[in-house]
Protein backbone atom coordinates (compact mmCIF):
# COMPACT_ATOMS: atom_id res chain seq x y z
CA MET A 1 60.29 5.03 25.71
CA CYS A 2 62.71 2.93 23.63
CA LYS A 3 62.89 -0.86 23.70
CA GLU A 4 66.17 -1.99 22.74
CA LYS A 5 66.18 -3.41 18.83
CA VAL A 6 62.38 -3.03 19.16
CA LEU A 7 61.37 0.84 18.94
CA GLU A 8 63.44 3.81 19.02
CA ILE A 9 61.32 7.26 19.72
CA SER A 10 62.31 10.50 20.62
CA ALA A 11 59.75 13.40 20.74
CA VAL A 12 59.70 17.18 21.71
CA ARG A 13 56.84 19.21 22.50
CA LEU A 14 57.04 22.76 21.34
CA GLY A 15 54.45 25.22 21.99
CA THR A 16 53.18 28.59 23.01
CA CYS A 17 50.37 29.83 25.35
CA SER A 18 47.84 28.96 22.43
CA SER A 19 49.42 26.04 20.84
CA SER A 20 51.56 23.14 20.74
CA VAL A 21 53.03 20.53 18.64
CA ILE A 22 54.65 17.07 19.55
CA LEU A 23 57.13 16.22 16.92
CA CYS A 24 57.99 12.29 17.13
CA ARG A 25 61.10 10.47 15.42
CA VAL A 26 60.45 6.90 15.28
CA TYR A 27 62.80 3.63 14.05
CA ARG A 28 61.79 0.24 13.98
CA SER A 29 64.57 -2.35 13.00
CA PRO A 30 63.73 -4.71 10.26
CA SER A 31 64.70 -7.82 12.32
CA VAL A 32 61.71 -7.23 14.90
CA LYS A 33 58.40 -8.54 14.31
CA ALA A 34 55.87 -5.71 13.29
CA ASN A 35 53.41 -6.60 15.76
CA HIS A 36 55.80 -6.49 18.76
CA PHE A 37 56.65 -2.67 17.52
CA LEU A 38 52.97 -1.83 16.82
CA ASN A 39 51.91 -2.62 20.31
CA LEU A 40 54.55 -0.55 21.49
CA LEU A 41 53.92 2.35 19.51
CA GLU A 42 50.05 2.18 20.33
CA LYS A 43 51.09 2.24 24.01
CA ILE A 44 53.28 5.23 23.34
CA LEU A 45 50.67 7.29 21.03
CA ASN A 46 48.10 6.77 24.11
CA LEU A 47 50.59 8.68 26.34
CA LEU A 48 51.47 11.34 23.67
CA TYR A 49 48.07 12.03 21.90
CA GLN A 50 46.00 15.09 22.97
CA GLN A 51 43.12 16.21 21.07
CA SER A 52 44.19 20.00 21.17
CA THR A 53 48.11 19.35 20.20
CA LEU A 54 49.48 18.80 16.63
CA LEU A 55 50.97 15.45 16.54
CA ILE A 56 53.62 14.88 13.86
CA ILE A 57 55.48 11.29 13.28
CA CYS A 58 58.14 10.61 11.02
CA GLY A 59 60.48 8.07 10.74
CA ASP A 60 61.63 4.74 9.30
CA LEU A 61 59.34 1.71 10.42
CA ASN A 62 60.87 -0.77 8.01
CA ILE A 63 57.04 -1.69 6.82
CA ASN A 64 56.69 -1.95 3.23
CA SER A 65 53.58 0.60 2.43
CA LEU A 66 53.89 0.27 -1.31
CA ILE A 67 52.07 -2.90 -1.31
CA GLU A 68 49.33 -4.19 0.39
CA ASN A 69 50.39 -6.37 3.58
CA SER A 70 49.00 -7.14 6.97
CA GLU A 71 51.77 -4.84 8.63
CA LYS A 72 50.66 -1.84 6.79
CA GLN A 73 46.89 -2.43 7.54
CA ASN A 74 47.74 -2.72 11.07
CA LEU A 75 49.61 0.27 11.23
CA GLU A 76 46.91 2.37 9.28
CA ILE A 77 44.42 1.18 11.65
CA ILE A 78 46.66 2.46 14.76
CA MET A 79 47.23 5.95 13.08
CA THR A 80 43.61 6.10 12.12
CA THR A 81 42.37 5.41 15.70
CA PHE A 82 44.74 8.70 16.67
CA ASN A 83 43.38 10.74 13.67
CA LEU A 84 46.55 10.50 12.08
CA THR A 85 46.84 10.87 8.27
CA GLN A 86 50.04 9.52 5.85
CA VAL A 87 51.35 12.61 4.01
CA VAL A 88 54.05 10.89 2.21
CA THR A 89 52.93 8.24 -0.19
CA PHE A 90 55.44 8.04 -2.70
CA PRO A 91 58.75 6.04 -2.64
CA THR A 92 61.58 8.25 -0.66
CA ARG A 93 64.49 5.66 -1.43
CA ILE A 94 64.88 3.31 -4.50
CA CYS A 95 67.73 0.60 -4.60
CA ASN A 96 67.83 -2.45 -6.79
CA ASN A 97 64.47 -1.73 -8.45
CA LYS A 98 62.75 -1.76 -4.90
CA GLY A 99 61.13 1.39 -3.31
CA THR A 100 60.57 2.36 0.15
CA LEU A 101 59.42 5.64 1.84
CA ILE A 102 59.93 7.44 5.06
CA TYR A 103 56.84 7.55 7.10
CA PHE A 104 55.27 10.70 7.97
CA TRP A 105 51.97 11.08 9.99
CA ILE A 106 49.91 14.18 10.95
CA LYS A 107 46.61 14.85 12.59
CA GLN A 108 44.06 14.90 10.10
CA ASP A 109 42.58 18.24 11.53
CA THR A 110 45.59 20.10 11.31
CA THR A 111 47.75 21.62 8.30
CA ILE A 112 51.45 22.12 7.96
């Protein structure tokens, strides 16, 4: 499901007879336009998403969610479409007085 220099994703499904979890790790190169990345991410989520499965997505998307911008808004629209909520909302790395965060999304109707 990877596209070289655009999107890297790995996923693992863990489950028992009564429940299952899909854990995804995603990376986007900062040199790639966010719209191209987001289109591919949406296609992948269409393949992975199942109503009865806990879906967890984490990774470095190189989208600055600490300020309002169109990339952040488009990402939030996609994640809301799949009933996903951003869990980490504080900077996870601060360098040269700029903060970034590692994304962590989880389905709204589940708990961890």
